[in-house]
């Protein structure tokens, strides 16, 4: 009895089945098979370019053992690869990271969902968002250069206050 994926060729044959792919909407020739026809897609000439936004998310709530807070934030950093740094205490935390989004509204919307969406998967405390700052990359670098903005997110990682 042969054990293999359904539709996989027998071992040792060295040949693979080829699959047809329909031509793009801008292809000038007629389709060779009616099943390969595609609907014409209108693409806007103006494509909105995404930007990088520096996010600072502040959360607060009832006291939670520091060990649990740290473990949850470390898991969040693992789940969300753009996380720069987190600072925490037993009743509040601050998370900083970069987000790529079309505009400030999109970046803020994603940031406001971050804590809630990762609460159960990362084991985060049931805290509420109490603060949100979203600034574009240029503003972040200008603030840091002038010495009055958020301090650079260093050292990177999860640290107590």
N, C-alpha and C. Protein backbone atom coordinates (compact mmCIF):
# COMPACT_ATOMS: atom_id res chain seq x y z
N UNK A 1 0.85 -1.17 0.00
CA UNK A 1 0.00 0.00 0.00
C UNK A 1 0.89 1.23 0.00
N UNK A 2 0.60 2.17 -0.89
CA UNK A 2 1.38 3.39 -1.03
C UNK A 2 0.82 4.47 -0.13
N UNK A 3 1.71 5.12 0.66
CA UNK A 3 1.28 6.22 1.52
C UNK A 3 1.87 7.51 0.97
N UNK A 4 1.01 8.39 0.50
CA UNK A 4 1.46 9.66 -0.06
C UNK A 4 0.30 10.64 -0.02
N UNK A 5 0.62 11.88 -0.33
CA UNK A 5 -0.43 12.89 -0.41
C UNK A 5 -1.34 12.56 -1.57
N UNK A 6 -2.63 12.87 -1.47
CA UNK A 6 -3.53 12.66 -2.60
C UNK A 6 -3.04 13.44 -3.82
N UNK A 7 -2.98 12.82 -4.94
CA UNK A 7 -2.57 13.47 -6.18
C UNK A 7 -1.06 13.55 -6.35
N UNK A 8 -0.29 13.10 -5.40
CA UNK A 8 1.17 13.14 -5.52
C UNK A 8 1.62 12.04 -6.45
N UNK A 9 2.63 12.32 -7.28
CA UNK A 9 3.12 11.27 -8.19
C UNK A 9 3.85 10.19 -7.39
N UNK A 10 3.89 8.99 -7.92
CA UNK A 10 4.61 7.91 -7.23
C UNK A 10 6.08 8.28 -7.06
N UNK A 11 6.66 7.80 -5.97
CA UNK A 11 8.07 8.09 -5.71
C UNK A 11 8.94 7.52 -6.81
N UNK A 12 9.99 8.28 -7.11
CA UNK A 12 10.95 7.81 -8.09
C UNK A 12 10.59 8.12 -9.52
N UNK A 13 9.41 8.72 -9.77
CA UNK A 13 9.05 9.02 -11.15
C UNK A 13 9.78 10.24 -11.65
N UNK A 14 10.10 11.18 -10.74
CA UNK A 14 10.85 12.36 -11.13
C UNK A 14 10.05 13.35 -11.95
N UNK A 15 8.81 13.06 -12.23
CA UNK A 15 8.02 14.00 -13.02
C UNK A 15 6.94 14.62 -12.15
N UNK A 16 6.59 15.81 -12.49
CA UNK A 16 5.54 16.52 -11.76
C UNK A 16 4.49 16.98 -12.74
N UNK A 17 3.28 17.02 -12.28
CA UNK A 17 2.20 17.50 -13.13
C UNK A 17 2.28 19.02 -13.22
N UNK A 18 2.05 19.56 -14.42
CA UNK A 18 2.05 21.00 -14.62
C UNK A 18 0.62 21.50 -14.58
N UNK A 19 0.44 22.69 -14.05
CA UNK A 19 -0.88 23.27 -13.93
C UNK A 19 -0.94 24.55 -14.75
N UNK A 20 -2.03 24.76 -15.47
CA UNK A 20 -2.19 25.98 -16.26
C UNK A 20 -2.60 27.13 -15.36
N UNK A 21 -2.12 28.30 -15.70
CA UNK A 21 -2.50 29.51 -14.99
C UNK A 21 -3.03 30.48 -16.02
N UNK A 22 -4.16 31.06 -15.73
CA UNK A 22 -4.78 32.00 -16.67
C UNK A 22 -3.93 33.22 -16.90
N UNK A 23 -4.03 33.80 -18.09
CA UNK A 23 -3.29 35.01 -18.41
C UNK A 23 -3.88 36.18 -17.64
N UNK A 24 -3.08 37.20 -17.42
CA UNK A 24 -3.55 38.39 -16.71
C UNK A 24 -4.57 39.14 -17.52
N UNK A 25 -5.22 40.10 -16.88
CA UNK A 25 -6.28 40.87 -17.52
C UNK A 25 -5.75 41.69 -18.69
N UNK A 26 -4.46 42.00 -18.71
CA UNK A 26 -3.90 42.82 -19.78
C UNK A 26 -3.33 42.00 -20.93
N UNK A 27 -3.51 40.68 -20.91
CA UNK A 27 -3.04 39.81 -21.98
C UNK A 27 -3.90 40.04 -23.21
N UNK A 28 -3.25 40.24 -24.38
CA UNK A 28 -3.99 40.60 -25.59
C UNK A 28 -4.64 39.44 -26.31
N UNK A 29 -4.17 38.25 -26.15
CA UNK A 29 -4.69 37.12 -26.88
C UNK A 29 -5.96 36.56 -26.30
N UNK A 30 -6.73 35.80 -27.11
CA UNK A 30 -7.95 35.20 -26.59
C UNK A 30 -7.63 34.04 -25.67
N UNK A 31 -8.45 33.82 -24.64
CA UNK A 31 -8.20 32.68 -23.76
C UNK A 31 -8.40 31.38 -24.51
N UNK A 32 -7.61 30.38 -24.19
CA UNK A 32 -7.70 29.11 -24.87
C UNK A 32 -8.75 28.22 -24.23
N UNK A 33 -9.17 28.52 -23.05
CA UNK A 33 -10.14 27.72 -22.34
C UNK A 33 -11.06 28.66 -21.58
N UNK A 34 -12.37 28.49 -21.69
CA UNK A 34 -13.32 29.40 -21.05
C UNK A 34 -13.16 29.39 -19.53
N UNK A 35 -12.65 28.30 -18.95
CA UNK A 35 -12.50 28.24 -17.50
C UNK A 35 -11.33 29.10 -17.02
N UNK A 36 -10.47 29.52 -17.94
CA UNK A 36 -9.32 30.32 -17.55
C UNK A 36 -9.57 31.82 -17.68
N UNK A 37 -10.74 32.22 -18.17
CA UNK A 37 -11.02 33.64 -18.30
C UNK A 37 -11.06 34.30 -16.93
N UNK A 38 -10.59 35.52 -16.90
CA UNK A 38 -10.59 36.27 -15.66
C UNK A 38 -11.36 37.57 -15.87
N UNK A 39 -11.97 38.05 -14.80
CA UNK A 39 -12.64 39.34 -14.88
C UNK A 39 -11.59 40.42 -14.97
N UNK A 40 -11.88 41.45 -15.75
CA UNK A 40 -10.95 42.57 -15.85
C UNK A 40 -10.96 43.32 -14.53
N UNK A 41 -9.78 43.55 -14.00
CA UNK A 41 -9.64 44.25 -12.74
C UNK A 41 -9.15 45.66 -13.02
N UNK A 42 -9.88 46.64 -12.51
CA UNK A 42 -9.47 48.02 -12.68
C UNK A 42 -8.58 48.39 -11.51
N UNK A 43 -7.37 48.77 -11.82
CA UNK A 43 -6.41 49.13 -10.79
C UNK A 43 -6.23 50.64 -10.84
N UNK A 44 -6.40 51.27 -9.71
CA UNK A 44 -6.23 52.71 -9.63
C UNK A 44 -4.78 53.07 -9.91
N UNK A 45 -4.59 54.11 -10.70
CA UNK A 45 -3.23 54.56 -11.00
C UNK A 45 -2.57 55.14 -9.77
N UNK A 46 -3.38 55.72 -8.89
CA UNK A 46 -2.83 56.28 -7.66
C UNK A 46 -2.84 55.22 -6.59
N UNK A 47 -1.68 54.71 -6.26
CA UNK A 47 -1.60 53.71 -5.20
C UNK A 47 -1.16 54.42 -3.93
N UNK A 48 -1.90 54.18 -2.88
CA UNK A 48 -1.57 54.80 -1.62
C UNK A 48 -0.37 54.07 -1.04
N UNK A 49 0.67 54.81 -0.75
CA UNK A 49 1.88 54.21 -0.21
C UNK A 49 1.76 54.14 1.30
N UNK A 50 2.21 53.05 1.86
CA UNK A 50 2.18 52.93 3.32
C UNK A 50 3.41 53.61 3.91
N UNK A 51 3.27 53.96 5.19
CA UNK A 51 4.34 54.62 5.91
C UNK A 51 4.59 53.87 7.20
N UNK A 52 5.72 54.15 7.82
CA UNK A 52 6.00 53.59 9.13
C UNK A 52 5.55 54.57 10.19
N UNK A 53 4.89 54.04 11.22
CA UNK A 53 4.37 54.83 12.33
C UNK A 53 4.93 54.28 13.62
N UNK A 54 5.39 55.16 14.49
CA UNK A 54 5.88 54.73 15.80
C UNK A 54 4.70 54.74 16.77
N UNK A 55 4.45 53.60 17.38
CA UNK A 55 3.30 53.42 18.27
C UNK A 55 3.79 53.30 19.70
N UNK A 56 3.15 54.03 20.61
CA UNK A 56 3.36 53.83 22.04
C UNK A 56 1.98 53.56 22.63
N UNK A 57 1.81 52.34 23.12
CA UNK A 57 0.54 51.90 23.68
C UNK A 57 0.69 51.73 25.19
N UNK A 58 -0.15 52.42 25.96
CA UNK A 58 -0.11 52.33 27.42
C UNK A 58 -1.35 51.60 27.90
N UNK A 59 -1.14 50.64 28.79
CA UNK A 59 -2.25 49.85 29.34
C UNK A 59 -2.15 49.86 30.86
N UNK A 60 -3.30 49.67 31.51
CA UNK A 60 -3.33 49.71 32.96
C UNK A 60 -4.51 48.89 33.46
N UNK A 61 -4.40 48.42 34.71
CA UNK A 61 -5.48 47.65 35.29
C UNK A 61 -5.11 47.14 36.67
N UNK A 62 -5.84 46.13 37.10
CA UNK A 62 -5.60 45.54 38.41
C UNK A 62 -4.23 44.90 38.52
N UNK A 63 -3.76 44.78 39.75
CA UNK A 63 -2.43 44.22 39.97
C UNK A 63 -2.35 42.77 39.49
N UNK A 64 -1.24 42.48 38.84
CA UNK A 64 -0.94 41.14 38.33
C UNK A 64 0.50 40.83 38.72
N UNK A 65 0.80 39.59 39.10
CA UNK A 65 2.18 39.26 39.45
C UNK A 65 3.15 39.63 38.32
N UNK A 66 4.26 40.24 38.68
CA UNK A 66 5.24 40.70 37.69
C UNK A 66 5.70 39.59 36.75
N UNK A 67 5.84 38.39 37.31
CA UNK A 67 6.29 37.25 36.49
C UNK A 67 5.31 36.98 35.34
N UNK A 68 4.00 37.08 35.63
CA UNK A 68 2.98 36.85 34.59
C UNK A 68 2.97 37.96 33.57
N UNK A 69 3.15 39.21 34.04
CA UNK A 69 3.17 40.35 33.12
C UNK A 69 4.35 40.20 32.16
N UNK A 70 5.52 39.89 32.71
CA UNK A 70 6.72 39.74 31.88
C UNK A 70 6.56 38.62 30.87
N UNK A 71 6.05 37.48 31.31
CA UNK A 71 5.86 36.35 30.40
C UNK A 71 4.91 36.72 29.26
N UNK A 72 3.81 37.41 29.59
CA UNK A 72 2.86 37.83 28.57
C UNK A 72 3.46 38.80 27.57
N UNK A 73 4.24 39.76 28.06
CA UNK A 73 4.88 40.72 27.16
C UNK A 73 5.95 40.06 26.30
N UNK A 74 6.66 39.10 26.84
CA UNK A 74 7.65 38.37 26.05
C UNK A 74 6.97 37.56 24.95
N UNK A 75 5.82 36.98 25.26
CA UNK A 75 5.07 36.24 24.24
C UNK A 75 4.53 37.19 23.18
N UNK A 76 4.07 38.37 23.60
CA UNK A 76 3.60 39.38 22.64
C UNK A 76 4.74 39.78 21.71
N UNK A 77 5.94 39.96 22.25
CA UNK A 77 7.10 40.31 21.43
C UNK A 77 7.40 39.20 20.43
N UNK A 78 7.19 37.96 20.83
CA UNK A 78 7.41 36.83 19.92
C UNK A 78 6.34 36.81 18.83
N UNK A 79 5.09 37.06 19.22
CA UNK A 79 3.97 37.02 18.27
C UNK A 79 3.97 38.22 17.33
N UNK A 80 4.45 39.36 17.79
CA UNK A 80 4.41 40.61 17.03
C UNK A 80 5.86 41.04 16.78
N UNK A 81 6.44 40.65 15.66
CA UNK A 81 7.89 40.81 15.45
C UNK A 81 8.40 42.25 15.41
N UNK A 82 7.54 43.24 15.24
CA UNK A 82 8.02 44.62 15.17
C UNK A 82 8.06 45.29 16.53
N UNK A 83 7.77 44.55 17.58
CA UNK A 83 7.80 45.11 18.92
C UNK A 83 9.22 45.54 19.25
N UNK A 84 9.36 46.77 19.70
CA UNK A 84 10.69 47.28 20.04
C UNK A 84 11.01 47.06 21.50
N UNK A 85 10.15 47.57 22.35
CA UNK A 85 10.44 47.49 23.77
C UNK A 85 9.14 47.52 24.56
N UNK A 86 9.16 46.94 25.72
CA UNK A 86 8.04 46.98 26.64
C UNK A 86 8.59 47.30 28.02
N UNK A 87 7.87 48.15 28.74
CA UNK A 87 8.20 48.41 30.14
C UNK A 87 6.96 48.03 30.93
N UNK A 88 7.16 47.52 32.12
CA UNK A 88 6.00 47.03 32.85
C UNK A 88 6.18 47.17 34.35
N UNK A 89 5.05 47.20 35.04
CA UNK A 89 4.97 47.13 36.49
C UNK A 89 3.81 46.17 36.76
N UNK A 90 3.44 45.99 38.02
CA UNK A 90 2.38 45.02 38.30
C UNK A 90 0.98 45.54 37.99
N UNK A 91 0.83 46.83 37.65
CA UNK A 91 -0.49 47.35 37.34
C UNK A 91 -0.54 48.18 36.06
N UNK A 92 0.56 48.30 35.33
CA UNK A 92 0.55 49.03 34.06
C UNK A 92 1.76 48.62 33.21
N UNK A 93 1.64 48.94 31.92
CA UNK A 93 2.73 48.61 30.99
C UNK A 93 2.69 49.59 29.82
N UNK A 94 3.81 49.66 29.13
CA UNK A 94 3.93 50.48 27.93
C UNK A 94 4.61 49.63 26.87
N UNK A 95 4.03 49.62 25.69
CA UNK A 95 4.55 48.83 24.58
C UNK A 95 4.86 49.79 23.43
N UNK A 96 6.06 49.65 22.86
CA UNK A 96 6.46 50.50 21.73
C UNK A 96 6.85 49.62 20.56
N UNK A 97 6.41 50.05 19.39
CA UNK A 97 6.75 49.29 18.18
C UNK A 97 6.49 50.13 16.95
N UNK A 98 6.95 49.63 15.81
CA UNK A 98 6.70 50.27 14.52
C UNK A 98 5.57 49.52 13.82
N UNK A 99 4.70 50.28 13.20
CA UNK A 99 3.58 49.71 12.44
C UNK A 99 3.61 50.30 11.05
N UNK A 100 3.37 49.47 10.06
CA UNK A 100 3.27 49.95 8.69
C UNK A 100 1.79 50.09 8.35
N UNK A 101 1.41 51.29 7.91
CA UNK A 101 0.00 51.54 7.59
C UNK A 101 -0.09 52.68 6.58
N UNK A 102 -1.24 52.77 5.94
CA UNK A 102 -1.47 53.79 4.93
C UNK A 102 -1.51 55.19 5.53
N UNK A 103 -2.20 55.32 6.67
CA UNK A 103 -2.31 56.62 7.30
C UNK A 103 -2.45 56.46 8.81
N UNK A 104 -2.52 57.58 9.50
CA UNK A 104 -2.60 57.56 10.96
C UNK A 104 -3.83 56.81 11.44
N UNK A 105 -4.95 56.97 10.77
CA UNK A 105 -6.17 56.28 11.19
C UNK A 105 -6.01 54.77 11.17
N UNK A 106 -5.39 54.25 10.12
CA UNK A 106 -5.17 52.80 10.03
C UNK A 106 -4.19 52.33 11.09
N UNK A 107 -3.12 53.09 11.30
CA UNK A 107 -2.12 52.71 12.30
C UNK A 107 -2.74 52.70 13.70
N UNK A 108 -3.56 53.72 14.00
CA UNK A 108 -4.22 53.79 15.31
C UNK A 108 -5.21 52.65 15.49
N UNK A 109 -5.95 52.33 14.44
CA UNK A 109 -6.92 51.24 14.54
C UNK A 109 -6.24 49.91 14.83
N UNK A 110 -5.12 49.65 14.17
CA UNK A 110 -4.39 48.40 14.40
C UNK A 110 -3.83 48.40 15.83
N UNK A 111 -3.29 49.53 16.25
CA UNK A 111 -2.71 49.63 17.60
C UNK A 111 -3.76 49.41 18.67
N UNK A 112 -4.95 49.94 18.47
CA UNK A 112 -6.01 49.79 19.46
C UNK A 112 -6.51 48.36 19.57
N UNK A 113 -6.28 47.57 18.53
CA UNK A 113 -6.70 46.16 18.57
C UNK A 113 -5.60 45.24 19.11
N UNK A 114 -4.36 45.71 19.13
CA UNK A 114 -3.22 44.86 19.47
C UNK A 114 -3.40 44.15 20.81
N UNK A 115 -3.68 44.88 21.87
CA UNK A 115 -3.75 44.29 23.21
C UNK A 115 -4.88 43.28 23.30
N UNK A 116 -6.05 43.66 22.82
CA UNK A 116 -7.20 42.75 22.90
C UNK A 116 -7.04 41.50 22.07
N UNK A 117 -6.49 41.64 20.88
CA UNK A 117 -6.34 40.47 20.00
C UNK A 117 -5.29 39.49 20.51
N UNK A 118 -4.30 39.99 21.24
CA UNK A 118 -3.25 39.11 21.74
C UNK A 118 -3.43 38.75 23.21
N UNK A 119 -4.51 39.25 23.83
CA UNK A 119 -4.71 39.03 25.26
C UNK A 119 -4.71 37.55 25.61
N UNK A 120 -5.50 36.76 24.92
CA UNK A 120 -5.58 35.34 25.27
C UNK A 120 -4.40 34.55 24.71
N UNK A 121 -3.98 34.82 23.48
CA UNK A 121 -2.89 34.04 22.89
C UNK A 121 -1.56 34.28 23.59
N UNK A 122 -1.31 35.50 24.07
CA UNK A 122 -0.05 35.81 24.74
C UNK A 122 -0.18 35.74 26.26
N UNK A 123 -1.39 35.57 26.76
CA UNK A 123 -1.59 35.51 28.20
C UNK A 123 -1.38 36.86 28.87
N UNK A 124 -1.84 37.93 28.20
CA UNK A 124 -1.68 39.28 28.74
C UNK A 124 -2.72 39.54 29.83
N UNK A 125 -2.39 40.42 30.77
CA UNK A 125 -3.37 40.76 31.82
C UNK A 125 -4.62 41.42 31.20
N UNK A 126 -5.76 41.34 31.88
CA UNK A 126 -6.99 41.94 31.35
C UNK A 126 -7.04 43.45 31.59
N UNK A 127 -6.03 44.14 31.16
CA UNK A 127 -5.94 45.58 31.36
C UNK A 127 -6.58 46.33 30.21
N UNK A 128 -6.87 47.60 30.46
CA UNK A 128 -7.46 48.47 29.45
C UNK A 128 -6.40 49.38 28.86
N UNK A 129 -6.62 49.77 27.63
CA UNK A 129 -5.74 50.75 26.99
C UNK A 129 -6.07 52.11 27.59
N UNK A 130 -5.06 52.78 28.12
CA UNK A 130 -5.27 54.09 28.74
C UNK A 130 -4.54 55.20 27.99
N UNK A 131 -3.74 54.84 27.02
CA UNK A 131 -3.03 55.85 26.24
C UNK A 131 -2.52 55.30 24.93
N UNK A 132 -2.50 56.16 23.92
CA UNK A 132 -2.01 55.77 22.61
C UNK A 132 -1.36 56.98 21.96
N UNK A 133 -0.14 56.81 21.49
CA UNK A 133 0.52 57.84 20.70
C UNK A 133 0.94 57.21 19.39
N UNK A 134 0.58 57.87 18.30
CA UNK A 134 0.95 57.42 16.97
C UNK A 134 1.61 58.59 16.27
N UNK A 135 2.88 58.45 15.92
CA UNK A 135 3.58 59.51 15.20
C UNK A 135 4.29 58.91 14.00
N UNK A 136 4.43 59.70 12.95
CA UNK A 136 5.11 59.18 11.77
C UNK A 136 6.61 59.12 12.00
N UNK A 137 7.28 58.46 11.11
CA UNK A 137 8.72 58.19 11.26
C UNK A 137 9.53 59.49 11.33
N UNK A 138 9.18 60.44 10.46
CA UNK A 138 9.91 61.70 10.42
C UNK A 138 9.77 62.45 11.74
N UNK A 139 8.57 62.50 12.28
CA UNK A 139 8.33 63.18 13.55
C UNK A 139 9.09 62.50 14.67
N UNK A 140 9.09 61.17 14.68
CA UNK A 140 9.81 60.42 15.71
C UNK A 140 11.30 60.79 15.68
N UNK A 141 11.90 60.74 14.49
CA UNK A 141 13.33 61.03 14.38
C UNK A 141 13.63 62.49 14.71
N UNK A 142 12.73 63.39 14.33
CA UNK A 142 12.92 64.81 14.66
C UNK A 142 12.89 65.02 16.17
N UNK A 143 11.93 64.40 16.85
CA UNK A 143 11.83 64.52 18.30
C UNK A 143 13.07 63.98 18.99
N UNK A 144 13.52 62.83 18.56
CA UNK A 144 14.70 62.22 19.17
C UNK A 144 15.92 63.12 18.94
N UNK A 145 16.07 63.65 17.73
CA UNK A 145 17.21 64.51 17.42
C UNK A 145 17.20 65.78 18.25
N UNK A 146 16.01 66.31 18.52
CA UNK A 146 15.89 67.54 19.30
C UNK A 146 15.90 67.28 20.80
N UNK A 147 15.82 66.03 21.18
CA UNK A 147 15.93 65.68 22.59
C UNK A 147 14.68 65.86 23.42
N UNK A 148 13.53 66.10 22.80
CA UNK A 148 12.33 66.29 23.60
C UNK A 148 11.25 65.24 23.33
N UNK A 149 11.49 64.34 22.44
CA UNK A 149 10.50 63.34 22.11
C UNK A 149 10.64 62.10 22.98
N UNK A 150 9.95 61.05 22.59
CA UNK A 150 10.08 59.80 23.34
C UNK A 150 11.52 59.33 23.26
N UNK A 151 12.08 58.90 24.35
CA UNK A 151 13.47 58.44 24.29
C UNK A 151 13.56 57.23 23.35
N UNK A 152 14.70 57.05 22.71
CA UNK A 152 14.84 55.91 21.81
C UNK A 152 14.51 54.62 22.53
N UNK A 153 13.92 53.72 21.82
CA UNK A 153 13.49 52.45 22.40
C UNK A 153 14.69 51.55 22.61
N UNK A 154 15.51 51.91 23.56
CA UNK A 154 16.68 51.09 23.88
C UNK A 154 16.78 51.00 25.38
N UNK A 155 17.10 49.94 25.94
CA UNK A 155 17.41 48.70 25.25
C UNK A 155 16.16 48.00 24.75
N UNK A 156 16.32 47.32 23.64
CA UNK A 156 15.21 46.59 23.04
C UNK A 156 14.89 45.40 23.93
N UNK A 157 13.62 45.09 24.09
CA UNK A 157 13.21 43.94 24.88
C UNK A 157 12.15 44.31 25.90
N UNK A 158 11.95 43.43 26.86
CA UNK A 158 10.93 43.58 27.90
C UNK A 158 11.65 43.88 29.21
N UNK A 159 11.33 45.03 29.81
CA UNK A 159 12.04 45.49 31.01
C UNK A 159 11.08 46.04 32.04
N UNK A 160 11.36 45.85 33.32
CA UNK A 160 10.54 46.49 34.35
C UNK A 160 10.81 47.99 34.38
N UNK A 161 9.86 48.76 34.92
CA UNK A 161 10.06 50.21 35.07
C UNK A 161 11.19 50.49 36.02
